[in-house]
Amino acid sequence: MTQLSVNVNKIAVLRNSRGGNEPDVVRAARACLAAGAHGITVHPRPDQRHIRSDDVHALSALTREHGVELNVEGNPFAPPRAGYPGFLALCEAVRPAQATLVPDDDGQITSDHGFDFARDGARLQPLVAQLKAMGCRVSLFVDAGCEGLEQAARMGADRIELYTGPFAEAAARGDVASELARCAATARQAQALGLGVNAGHDLSQDNLGMFVANVPGVLEVSIGHALIGEALYAGLEATVKAYLQILRGTQAGGGRG
């Protein structure tokens, strides 16, 4: 079954908008795990707009307590600054099960593109090696249809994470066939190279079943924005369970779409 890792960044956005510790990121993550989520994802950014370094340490302790995976995402090229030690330093401190490298700039509202391996490959390779030496599984954020997966495999990455934003937009338009085909082809190419396949960005209850039913061998989806938004109406427990039911139903042959 595809694993569900819940991204709790949006809980931190709400907390930071008011100050203090409410809503509590760790309490929210604990509720997601109690509902059956397989892991927790965070994407600490240098500007600390949501998840902060202290949150990552607290969530590391929580996930170890529950025996589940912590997935830490971030730009490995972003320099450290006050309150943010840098992506590799943070990973060295907490040793997450998975480190997902994402080429996002400070000014981006959210991650919206994958790596250009022709441009970034030489800089990525030693960083991948350092993370693997820490015991982290390394995943690289990629666009469907990207070039250079062979280079990703050669540098020692374990997985790719498919950027599913364009798929989600196509699904909302009702014209999804070409984007699904691109995602499926990229997944198959990665798997042929020995890379595992994760996916994330704008996945929701409306499109998740269609995605995992048509893209082979997806090991993990990380979902935050839609899941937390839906939980405002239905609650975290019910929403996490709804996502898990989609994954179970799809992979038992009863997928949506």
Protein backbone atom coordinates (compact mmCIF):
# COMPACT_ATOMS: atom_id res chain seq x y z
CA MET A 1 0.00 0.00 0.00
CA THR A 2 1.17 3.51 -0.79
CA GLN A 3 2.21 5.19 2.46
CA LEU A 4 0.58 8.45 3.58
CA SER A 5 2.89 11.05 5.12
CA VAL A 6 0.99 14.06 6.41
CA ASN A 7 2.64 17.45 5.91
CA VAL A 8 1.90 19.63 8.95
CA ASN A 9 3.34 22.90 7.62
CA LYS A 10 -0.09 24.55 7.49
CA ILE A 11 -0.62 23.94 11.21
CA ALA A 12 2.53 25.98 11.82
CA VAL A 13 1.32 28.74 9.46
CA LEU A 14 -1.79 29.18 11.61
CA ARG A 15 0.22 29.10 14.84
CA ASN A 16 2.75 31.62 13.59
CA SER A 17 0.04 34.03 12.45
CA ARG A 18 -0.88 34.62 16.10
CA GLY A 19 2.24 33.67 18.04
CA GLY A 20 2.38 31.27 20.95
CA ASN A 21 1.96 27.55 20.49
CA GLU A 22 -1.63 27.14 19.33
CA PRO A 23 -2.49 25.22 17.31
CA ASP A 24 0.20 22.82 18.50
CA VAL A 25 2.09 21.22 15.60
CA VAL A 26 3.13 18.18 17.63
CA ARG A 27 -0.40 17.60 18.93
CA ALA A 28 -1.75 17.79 15.38
CA ALA A 29 0.90 15.36 14.14
CA ARG A 30 0.09 13.01 17.00
CA ALA A 31 -3.60 13.09 15.99
CA CYS A 32 -2.66 12.23 12.38
CA LEU A 33 -0.59 9.28 13.54
CA ALA A 34 -3.34 8.08 15.87
CA ALA A 35 -5.68 8.09 12.86
CA GLY A 36 -3.29 5.80 10.97
CA ALA A 37 -0.97 8.08 8.99
CA HIS A 38 2.28 6.31 8.17
CA GLY A 39 4.55 9.29 8.74
CA ILE A 40 4.96 13.05 9.06
CA THR A 41 6.45 15.48 6.53
CA VAL A 42 7.78 18.97 7.18
CA HIS A 43 9.42 21.55 4.95
CA PRO A 44 11.30 24.02 7.14
CA ARG A 45 12.25 27.13 5.18
CA PRO A 46 15.02 29.60 5.97
CA ASP A 47 12.50 32.41 6.50
CA GLN A 48 10.72 30.27 9.15
CA ARG A 49 7.32 31.15 7.69
CA HIS A 50 5.86 27.95 9.13
CA ILE A 51 7.84 24.97 10.47
CA ARG A 52 10.83 26.02 12.58
CA SER A 53 13.92 24.08 13.56
CA ASP A 54 12.57 23.45 17.06
CA ASP A 55 9.46 21.90 15.49
CA VAL A 56 11.63 19.52 13.49
CA HIS A 57 13.38 18.36 16.67
CA ALA A 58 10.04 17.86 18.45
CA LEU A 59 8.52 15.99 15.53
CA SER A 60 11.62 13.83 15.27
CA ALA A 61 11.07 12.73 18.86
CA LEU A 62 7.37 12.11 18.18
CA THR A 63 7.93 9.98 15.09
CA ARG A 64 10.60 7.94 16.86
CA GLU A 65 8.19 7.40 19.74
CA HIS A 66 5.58 6.08 17.30
CA GLY A 67 8.05 4.08 15.18
CA VAL A 68 7.13 5.93 11.98
CA GLU A 69 9.08 7.97 9.47
CA LEU A 70 9.88 11.67 9.50
CA ASN A 71 10.40 13.16 6.05
CA VAL A 72 12.23 16.49 6.06
CA GLU A 73 12.08 18.51 2.84
CA GLY A 74 14.16 21.49 1.86
CA ASN A 75 16.58 23.25 -0.43
CA PRO A 76 20.08 21.90 0.29
CA PHE A 77 21.65 24.95 -1.37
CA ALA A 78 20.01 27.56 0.91
CA PRO A 79 22.58 29.03 3.31
CA PRO A 80 22.04 29.02 7.07
CA ARG A 81 20.72 32.10 8.81
CA ALA A 82 19.45 33.12 12.23
CA GLY A 83 17.14 30.40 13.50
CA TYR A 84 17.82 28.11 10.52
CA PRO A 85 21.02 26.05 10.62
CA GLY A 86 20.83 24.91 6.99
CA PHE A 87 19.19 21.82 5.56
CA LEU A 88 22.08 19.38 5.97
CA ALA A 89 22.88 20.59 9.49
CA LEU A 90 19.25 20.13 10.50
CA CYS A 91 19.20 16.63 9.02
CA GLU A 92 22.42 15.77 10.80
CA ALA A 93 20.87 16.86 14.09
CA VAL A 94 17.61 14.90 13.79
CA ARG A 95 18.54 12.08 11.34
CA PRO A 96 15.16 11.83 9.57
CA ALA A 97 14.26 8.59 7.83
CA GLN A 98 13.97 10.51 4.57
CA ALA A 99 15.46 13.75 3.29
CA THR A 100 13.67 15.17 0.27
CA LEU A 101 15.71 17.72 -1.64
CA VAL A 102 13.67 20.48 -3.29
CA PRO A 103 15.01 23.36 -5.44
CA ASP A 104 12.78 26.09 -4.00
CA ASP A 105 13.81 29.72 -3.63
CA ASP A 106 13.04 31.90 -0.63
CA GLY A 107 10.47 33.92 -2.52
CA GLN A 108 8.37 30.98 -3.66
CA ILE A 109 4.97 30.61 -2.03
CA THR A 110 5.30 26.85 -2.47
CA SER A 111 7.47 24.37 -4.33
CA ASP A 112 6.59 24.53 -8.01
CA HIS A 113 9.30 22.76 -10.01
CA GLY A 114 11.82 19.95 -9.82
CA PHE A 115 15.58 19.87 -10.21
CA ASP A 116 17.40 20.61 -13.43
CA PHE A 117 19.99 17.85 -13.23
CA ALA A 118 22.13 19.29 -16.03
CA ARG A 119 22.53 22.46 -13.95
CA ASP A 120 22.37 21.11 -10.40
CA GLY A 121 23.69 17.55 -10.60
CA ALA A 122 27.34 18.28 -9.81
CA ARG A 123 26.37 20.28 -6.70
CA LEU A 124 23.81 17.71 -5.60
CA GLN A 125 26.04 14.65 -5.70
CA PRO A 126 28.22 15.38 -2.62
CA LEU A 127 25.16 16.50 -0.65
CA VAL A 128 23.36 13.26 -1.45
CA ALA A 129 26.43 11.37 -0.25
CA GLN A 130 26.52 13.33 3.01
CA LEU A 131 22.85 12.67 3.73
CA LYS A 132 23.21 8.97 3.01
CA ALA A 133 26.18 8.85 5.38
CA MET A 134 23.81 10.21 8.06
CA GLY A 135 21.51 7.26 7.44
CA CYS A 136 18.86 9.24 5.54
CA ARG A 137 17.04 7.87 2.53
CA VAL A 138 17.38 10.57 -0.14
CA SER A 139 14.58 11.62 -2.47
CA LEU A 140 14.88 14.27 -5.20
CA PHE A 141 11.94 16.46 -6.27
CA VAL A 142 11.40 16.15 -10.04
CA ASP A 143 8.99 17.24 -12.72
CA ALA A 144 7.08 14.59 -14.64
CA GLY A 145 8.86 14.15 -17.96
CA CYS A 146 12.15 15.55 -16.64
CA GLU A 147 15.49 14.69 -18.16
CA GLY A 148 18.42 13.37 -16.16
CA LEU A 149 16.95 10.58 -14.06
CA GLU A 150 20.00 8.51 -14.99
CA GLN A 151 22.13 11.16 -13.29
CA ALA A 152 19.91 11.05 -10.21
CA ALA A 153 20.47 7.31 -9.99
CA ARG A 154 24.23 7.63 -10.53
CA MET A 155 24.61 10.19 -7.75
CA GLY A 156 23.15 7.70 -5.28
CA ALA A 157 19.61 9.01 -4.73
CA ASP A 158 17.19 6.40 -3.43
CA ARG A 159 13.93 7.88 -4.70
CA ILE A 160 12.36 10.66 -6.68
CA GLU A 161 9.31 12.64 -5.64
CA LEU A 162 7.06 13.48 -8.58
CA TYR A 163 5.82 17.06 -8.51
CA THR A 164 2.09 16.54 -9.00
CA GLY A 165 0.96 20.16 -9.26
CA PRO A 166 0.38 20.02 -13.05
CA PHE A 167 -1.51 16.72 -12.65
CA ALA A 168 -3.79 18.27 -10.03
CA GLU A 169 -4.48 21.27 -12.25
CA ALA A 170 -5.29 18.97 -15.17
CA ALA A 171 -7.57 16.89 -12.97
CA ALA A 172 -9.47 20.01 -11.91
CA ARG A 173 -9.96 20.88 -15.60
CA GLY A 174 -11.14 17.37 -16.42
CA ASP A 175 -8.36 16.86 -18.98
CA VAL A 176 -5.95 14.64 -17.13
CA ALA A 177 -4.89 11.92 -19.58
CA SER A 178 -1.66 13.50 -20.82
CA GLU A 179 -0.44 14.47 -17.35
CA LEU A 180 -1.21 11.03 -15.96
CA ALA A 181 0.68 9.47 -18.85
CA ARG A 182 3.71 11.71 -18.19
CA CYS A 183 3.69 10.85 -14.50
CA ALA A 184 3.35 7.13 -15.21
CA ALA A 185 6.15 7.18 -17.80
CA THR A 186 8.48 9.02 -15.42
CA ALA A 187 7.68 6.58 -12.62
CA ARG A 188 8.44 3.60 -14.85
CA GLN A 189 11.71 5.14 -16.02
CA ALA A 190 12.77 5.83 -12.43
CA GLN A 191 11.89 2.32 -11.33
CA ALA A 192 13.86 0.84 -14.24
CA LEU A 193 16.87 2.79 -12.94
CA GLY A 194 16.40 1.40 -9.42
CA LEU A 195 14.79 4.54 -7.98
CA GLY A 196 11.71 4.40 -5.78
CA VAL A 197 8.86 6.78 -6.53
CA ASN A 198 7.13 9.19 -4.13
CA ALA A 199 4.66 11.91 -5.09
CA GLY A 200 3.34 15.14 -3.71
CA HIS A 201 1.82 18.56 -4.24
CA ASP A 202 -1.87 19.45 -4.55
CA LEU A 203 -2.98 15.85 -4.13
CA SER A 204 -6.43 15.72 -2.55
CA GLN A 205 -9.35 13.39 -1.94
CA ASP A 206 -10.67 14.37 -5.36
CA ASN A 207 -7.61 13.28 -7.34
CA LEU A 208 -5.53 10.90 -5.19
CA GLY A 209 -7.34 7.71 -6.18
CA MET A 210 -7.00 8.51 -9.87
CA PHE A 211 -3.30 9.19 -9.45
CA VAL A 212 -2.28 6.04 -7.58
CA ALA A 213 -4.51 3.87 -9.77
CA ASN A 214 -2.70 5.03 -12.90
CA VAL A 215 0.89 5.69 -11.79
CA PRO A 216 2.59 2.39 -10.95
CA GLY A 217 4.45 1.60 -7.77
CA VAL A 218 4.06 4.87 -5.84
CA LEU A 219 5.66 4.19 -2.47
CA GLU A 220 4.60 7.34 -0.61
CA VAL A 221 2.47 10.43 -1.00
CA SER A 222 3.04 13.48 1.17
CA ILE A 223 -0.10 15.59 1.50
CA GLY A 224 -0.55 18.76 3.51
CA HIS A 225 -2.44 21.71 2.06
CA ALA A 226 -5.55 19.87 0.90
CA LEU A 227 -5.64 17.50 3.85
CA ILE A 228 -5.38 20.23 6.47
CA GLY A 229 -7.93 22.35 4.61
CA GLU A 230 -10.39 19.45 4.44
CA ALA A 231 -9.78 18.71 8.12
CA LEU A 232 -11.14 22.16 9.03
CA TYR A 233 -14.55 20.78 8.11
CA ALA A 234 -14.32 17.08 8.93
CA GLY A 235 -11.57 16.93 11.60
CA LEU A 236 -8.08 15.48 11.37
CA GLU A 237 -9.01 11.94 12.35
CA ALA A 238 -11.81 11.59 9.82
CA THR A 239 -9.79 13.25 7.05
CA VAL A 240 -6.68 11.12 7.53
CA LYS A 241 -8.86 8.00 7.58
CA ALA A 242 -10.57 9.12 4.37
CA TYR A 243 -7.20 9.40 2.62
CA LEU A 244 -6.14 6.00 3.89
CA GLN A 245 -9.40 4.50 2.64
CA ILE A 246 -8.75 5.94 -0.82
CA LEU A 247 -5.29 4.35 -0.85
CA ARG A 248 -6.58 1.01 0.38
CA GLY A 249 -9.50 1.00 -2.01
CA THR A 250 -7.43 1.97 -5.00
CA GLN A 251 -4.84 -0.68 -4.41
CA ALA A 252 -7.45 -3.34 -3.81
CA GLY A 253 -8.75 -2.62 -7.30
CA GLY A 254 -11.45 -0.13 -6.39
CA GLY A 255 -9.76 3.16 -7.25
CA ARG A 256 -11.50 6.35 -8.26
CA GLY A 257 -11.30 7.66 -11.78
